[in-house]
Amino acid sequence: MKLYSYFRSSASYRVRIALNLKGLTYETVPVHLLKHGGEQLSESYRALNPDALVPAFVDDDADVTLTQSLAIIEYLEETFPQPPLLPAEAADRAYVRSLALTIACEIHPLNNLRVLRYLVKDLGLSEEQKNGWYRHWCEKGLAALEVMVARDGRTGRFCFGDAPTLADCVLVPQIANAQRLDADAHAHQRQLPRARRVHQRVSREAAGRRVRRAGLSARRRRRLPGAVPRGRRFPA
């Protein structure tokens, strides 16, 4: 499996979390969104994803190529059901998806890199105005999500229950970007206490599973001559 990814892409980050939570081995193919005018705009990458966005996901064993982070995670969920990222009951699955879509549809599209670039380059907004735009929609959307998880009795250590779900995979990157672009991290801690706690727990959980998987892979690689490094650069 290959994931075409940019390290600061929220959408790519969601899929990386899901892959790590499921303990799956995959190859990361970096696609830098800024270098060389944006590697995602290259002819070779557009052949893979005509929308020129990351992530793109390739499962060579199944002859599957997918774009859109939530569709990729749903594919992983159906193909590798353990550990599950969606609850067993239909109503609960719909609720988890609604949390994920609150971020993926109501916050992220307004703050995507190409939107922010358009605000500056085409509409002439200043960096300060652009950052104000980002903070406005991010804070508005995250505040709504905070209310949703605060009032629902199904909230546990994570957005739903006591194990990470699709909603957590989507929440963590949005919180990380909010922290990166907003200097007032203490305000986020006060205003979004549940979301911040979930962010910390999911990050630890995914990192722990990644480390365990990497340790197992390293032991296997030591038994194989001529092991090849996993990551490579996508050609511009």
Protein backbone atom coordinates (compact mmCIF):
# COMPACT_ATOMS: atom_id res chain seq x y z
CA MET A 1 0.00 0.00 0.00
CA LYS A 2 1.19 3.51 -0.84
CA LEU A 3 -0.01 6.82 0.60
CA TYR A 4 0.82 9.95 -1.40
CA SER A 5 1.03 12.50 1.37
CA TYR A 6 2.17 15.96 2.45
CA PHE A 7 3.33 16.28 6.05
CA ARG A 8 1.17 19.35 6.79
CA SER A 9 -1.92 18.12 4.96
CA SER A 10 -4.82 17.56 7.36
CA ALA A 11 -6.45 15.13 4.95
CA SER A 12 -3.26 13.07 4.60
CA TYR A 13 -2.81 13.13 8.38
CA ARG A 14 -6.28 11.58 8.85
CA VAL A 15 -5.35 8.60 6.71
CA ARG A 16 -1.97 8.17 8.41
CA ILE A 17 -3.73 8.01 11.78
CA ALA A 18 -6.17 5.38 10.50
CA LEU A 19 -3.37 3.29 8.98
CA ASN A 20 -1.37 3.45 12.21
CA LEU A 21 -4.36 2.68 14.42
CA LYS A 22 -5.04 -0.41 12.32
CA GLY A 23 -1.37 -1.39 12.46
CA LEU A 24 -1.02 -1.52 8.67
CA THR A 25 2.30 -1.34 6.87
CA TYR A 26 2.40 1.19 4.04
CA GLU A 27 4.83 3.25 2.00
CA THR A 28 4.69 7.04 2.24
CA VAL A 29 5.30 8.84 -1.05
CA PRO A 30 5.91 12.54 -0.22
CA VAL A 31 4.18 15.10 -2.44
CA HIS A 32 5.39 18.58 -1.47
CA LEU A 33 2.64 21.14 -2.00
CA LEU A 34 5.02 24.13 -2.10
CA LYS A 35 8.30 23.03 -3.69
CA HIS A 36 8.77 23.29 -7.46
CA GLY A 37 5.53 25.23 -7.70
CA GLY A 38 3.66 22.36 -6.04
CA GLU A 39 4.47 18.75 -6.87
CA GLN A 40 0.75 17.94 -6.79
CA LEU A 41 0.38 19.97 -10.01
CA SER A 42 2.84 17.83 -11.95
CA GLU A 43 1.60 15.83 -14.90
CA SER A 44 2.67 12.58 -13.29
CA TYR A 45 0.70 13.24 -10.09
CA ARG A 46 -2.38 14.53 -11.95
CA ALA A 47 -2.42 11.19 -13.76
CA LEU A 48 -2.96 9.64 -10.33
CA ASN A 49 -5.29 12.31 -8.94
CA PRO A 50 -6.78 14.72 -11.52
CA ASP A 51 -7.91 17.04 -8.70
CA ALA A 52 -4.23 17.64 -7.79
CA LEU A 53 -4.88 17.17 -4.07
CA VAL A 54 -3.43 14.91 -1.40
CA PRO A 55 -3.84 12.27 -0.25
CA ALA A 56 -3.98 9.60 -2.90
CA PHE A 57 -3.94 5.97 -1.87
CA VAL A 58 -2.89 2.93 -3.88
CA ASP A 59 -3.47 -0.68 -2.85
CA ASP A 60 -1.55 -2.58 -5.52
CA ASP A 61 -2.65 -5.97 -4.21
CA ALA A 62 -6.30 -5.09 -4.87
CA ASP A 63 -5.66 -2.86 -7.91
CA VAL A 64 -7.32 0.05 -6.07
CA THR A 65 -6.52 3.75 -6.35
CA LEU A 66 -8.49 6.16 -4.17
CA THR A 67 -8.61 9.86 -3.40
CA GLN A 68 -10.49 11.74 -0.64
CA SER A 69 -9.39 10.93 2.88
CA LEU A 70 -12.73 9.77 4.29
CA ALA A 71 -13.30 7.42 1.35
CA ILE A 72 -9.82 5.97 1.90
CA ILE A 73 -10.50 5.44 5.62
CA GLU A 74 -13.86 3.80 4.84
CA TYR A 75 -12.05 1.46 2.43
CA LEU A 76 -9.53 0.57 5.13
CA GLU A 77 -12.38 -0.01 7.57
CA GLU A 78 -14.15 -2.42 5.23
CA THR A 79 -10.99 -4.18 4.08
CA PHE A 80 -9.21 -4.35 7.45
CA PRO A 81 -12.06 -4.26 10.00
CA GLN A 82 -9.91 -4.70 13.11
CA PRO A 83 -9.61 -2.65 15.18
CA PRO A 84 -12.85 -0.97 14.10
CA LEU A 85 -13.05 2.77 13.50
CA LEU A 86 -16.85 2.75 13.28
CA PRO A 87 -19.31 1.49 15.93
CA ALA A 88 -21.49 -1.59 15.46
CA GLU A 89 -24.91 0.12 15.53
CA ALA A 90 -26.21 2.08 12.52
CA ALA A 91 -27.24 5.14 14.56
CA ASP A 92 -23.87 5.25 16.27
CA ARG A 93 -22.01 4.95 12.95
CA ALA A 94 -24.07 7.82 11.56
CA TYR A 95 -23.26 9.94 14.63
CA VAL A 96 -19.52 9.28 14.33
CA ARG A 97 -19.66 10.17 10.64
CA SER A 98 -21.53 13.38 11.48
CA LEU A 99 -18.72 14.42 13.82
CA ALA A 100 -16.13 13.66 11.15
CA LEU A 101 -18.08 15.55 8.48
CA THR A 102 -18.49 18.58 10.74
CA ILE A 103 -14.74 19.04 10.33
CA ALA A 104 -14.17 17.57 6.89
CA CYS A 105 -17.04 19.50 5.23
CA GLU A 106 -17.61 22.59 7.38
CA ILE A 107 -14.09 23.61 8.47
CA HIS A 108 -11.41 22.10 6.29
CA PRO A 109 -12.64 23.17 2.80
CA LEU A 110 -12.67 26.84 3.85
CA ASN A 111 -9.10 26.64 5.12
CA ASN A 112 -7.54 24.43 2.46
CA LEU A 113 -4.17 25.60 1.09
CA ARG A 114 -5.57 26.46 -2.35
CA VAL A 115 -8.36 28.54 -0.77
CA LEU A 116 -5.89 30.44 1.42
CA ARG A 117 -3.68 31.05 -1.61
CA TYR A 118 -6.64 32.38 -3.59
CA LEU A 119 -7.52 34.79 -0.79
CA VAL A 120 -4.01 36.29 -0.91
CA LYS A 121 -3.00 36.04 -4.57
CA ASP A 122 -6.32 36.65 -6.32
CA LEU A 123 -8.41 38.63 -3.83
CA GLY A 124 -5.51 40.60 -2.38
CA LEU A 125 -5.99 39.84 1.31
CA SER A 126 -3.07 40.48 3.61
CA GLU A 127 -1.45 37.69 5.64
CA GLU A 128 -3.18 39.07 8.72
CA GLN A 129 -6.57 39.00 7.00
CA LYS A 130 -5.94 35.49 5.68
CA ASN A 131 -5.04 34.26 9.17
CA GLY A 132 -8.15 35.96 10.53
CA TRP A 133 -10.24 34.08 7.96
CA TYR A 134 -8.63 30.80 9.02
CA ARG A 135 -9.16 31.41 12.73
CA HIS A 136 -12.79 32.48 12.25
CA TRP A 137 -13.94 29.31 10.50
CA CYS A 138 -11.72 27.01 12.53
CA GLU A 139 -12.88 28.37 15.88
CA LYS A 140 -16.54 28.43 14.82
CA GLY A 141 -16.47 24.82 13.63
CA LEU A 142 -14.46 23.44 16.54
CA ALA A 143 -16.71 25.22 19.03
CA ALA A 144 -19.73 23.48 17.49
CA LEU A 145 -17.99 20.12 17.68
CA GLU A 146 -17.05 20.75 21.31
CA VAL A 147 -20.75 21.25 22.12
CA MET A 148 -21.68 18.07 20.26
CA VAL A 149 -19.27 15.84 22.19
CA ALA A 150 -19.93 17.62 25.51
CA ARG A 151 -23.66 16.98 25.46
CA ASP A 152 -23.69 13.44 24.07
CA GLY A 153 -23.71 10.60 26.57
CA ARG A 154 -21.75 8.35 24.22
CA THR A 155 -18.62 10.47 24.56
CA GLY A 156 -15.91 8.68 26.49
CA ARG A 157 -12.13 8.95 26.42
CA PHE A 158 -12.52 9.68 22.70
CA CYS A 159 -15.20 11.38 20.60
CA PHE A 160 -17.28 8.21 20.81
CA GLY A 161 -16.68 5.70 23.57
CA ASP A 162 -13.29 4.60 24.82
CA ALA A 163 -11.59 3.64 21.55
CA PRO A 164 -10.58 5.87 18.62
CA THR A 165 -13.02 6.18 15.72
CA LEU A 166 -13.24 7.91 12.36
CA ALA A 167 -14.23 11.11 14.19
CA ASP A 168 -10.97 11.14 16.12
CA CYS A 169 -8.95 10.54 12.95
CA VAL A 170 -10.44 13.73 11.53
CA LEU A 171 -10.36 15.82 14.72
CA VAL A 172 -6.67 15.37 15.54
CA PRO A 173 -5.27 17.00 12.36
CA GLN A 174 -7.64 19.95 12.69
CA ILE A 175 -6.53 20.61 16.26
CA ALA A 176 -2.89 20.25 15.21
CA ASN A 177 -3.35 22.84 12.46
CA ALA A 178 -5.18 25.18 14.84
CA GLN A 179 -2.25 24.96 17.24
CA ARG A 180 0.26 25.56 14.45
CA LEU A 181 -1.50 28.64 13.07
CA ASP A 182 -2.83 30.21 16.27
CA ALA A 183 -0.33 31.49 18.83
CA ASP A 184 -2.95 31.55 21.61
CA ALA A 185 -2.82 27.83 22.43
CA HIS A 186 -3.97 28.51 25.99
CA ALA A 187 -7.27 29.88 24.66
CA HIS A 188 -7.87 26.63 22.77
CA GLN A 189 -7.16 24.69 25.96
CA ARG A 190 -9.84 26.68 27.80
CA GLN A 191 -12.42 26.74 24.98
CA LEU A 192 -12.03 23.18 23.67
CA PRO A 193 -11.11 21.02 26.66
CA ARG A 194 -12.65 17.77 25.37
CA ALA A 195 -11.34 18.16 21.83
CA ARG A 196 -7.84 18.88 23.13
CA ARG A 197 -7.90 15.84 25.43
CA VAL A 198 -9.03 13.63 22.53
CA HIS A 199 -6.24 15.08 20.39
CA GLN A 200 -3.65 14.09 22.99
CA ARG A 201 -5.05 10.60 23.51
CA VAL A 202 -5.37 9.73 19.82
CA SER A 203 -1.89 11.06 19.09
CA ARG A 204 -0.43 8.83 21.80
CA GLU A 205 -2.47 5.81 20.71
CA ALA A 206 -1.54 6.11 17.02
CA ALA A 207 2.11 6.79 17.84
CA GLY A 208 2.27 3.77 20.14
CA ARG A 209 0.83 1.44 17.52
CA ARG A 210 3.17 2.90 14.88
CA VAL A 211 6.18 2.25 17.13
CA ARG A 212 5.05 -1.31 17.82
CA ARG A 213 4.53 -1.93 14.10
CA ALA A 214 7.90 -0.36 13.25
CA GLY A 215 9.63 -2.56 15.81
CA LEU A 216 8.10 -5.68 14.33
CA SER A 217 8.95 -4.55 10.78
CA ALA A 218 12.52 -3.76 11.80
CA ARG A 219 12.97 -7.24 13.25
CA ARG A 220 11.61 -8.75 10.04
CA ARG A 221 13.82 -6.54 7.85
CA ARG A 222 16.93 -7.60 9.74
CA ARG A 223 16.28 -11.12 8.49
CA LEU A 224 16.03 -9.95 4.88
CA PRO A 225 19.09 -8.92 2.85
CA GLY A 226 19.04 -5.66 0.90
CA ALA A 227 16.09 -4.01 2.66
CA VAL A 228 14.86 -0.89 0.84
CA PRO A 229 13.91 2.35 2.69
CA ARG A 230 10.14 2.87 2.81
CA GLY A 231 9.76 6.55 1.86
CA ARG A 232 10.59 8.11 -1.50
CA ARG A 233 9.99 11.42 -3.19
CA PHE A 234 7.29 11.80 -5.80
CA PRO A 235 8.81 13.27 -9.00
CA ALA A 236 7.98 16.89 -9.78
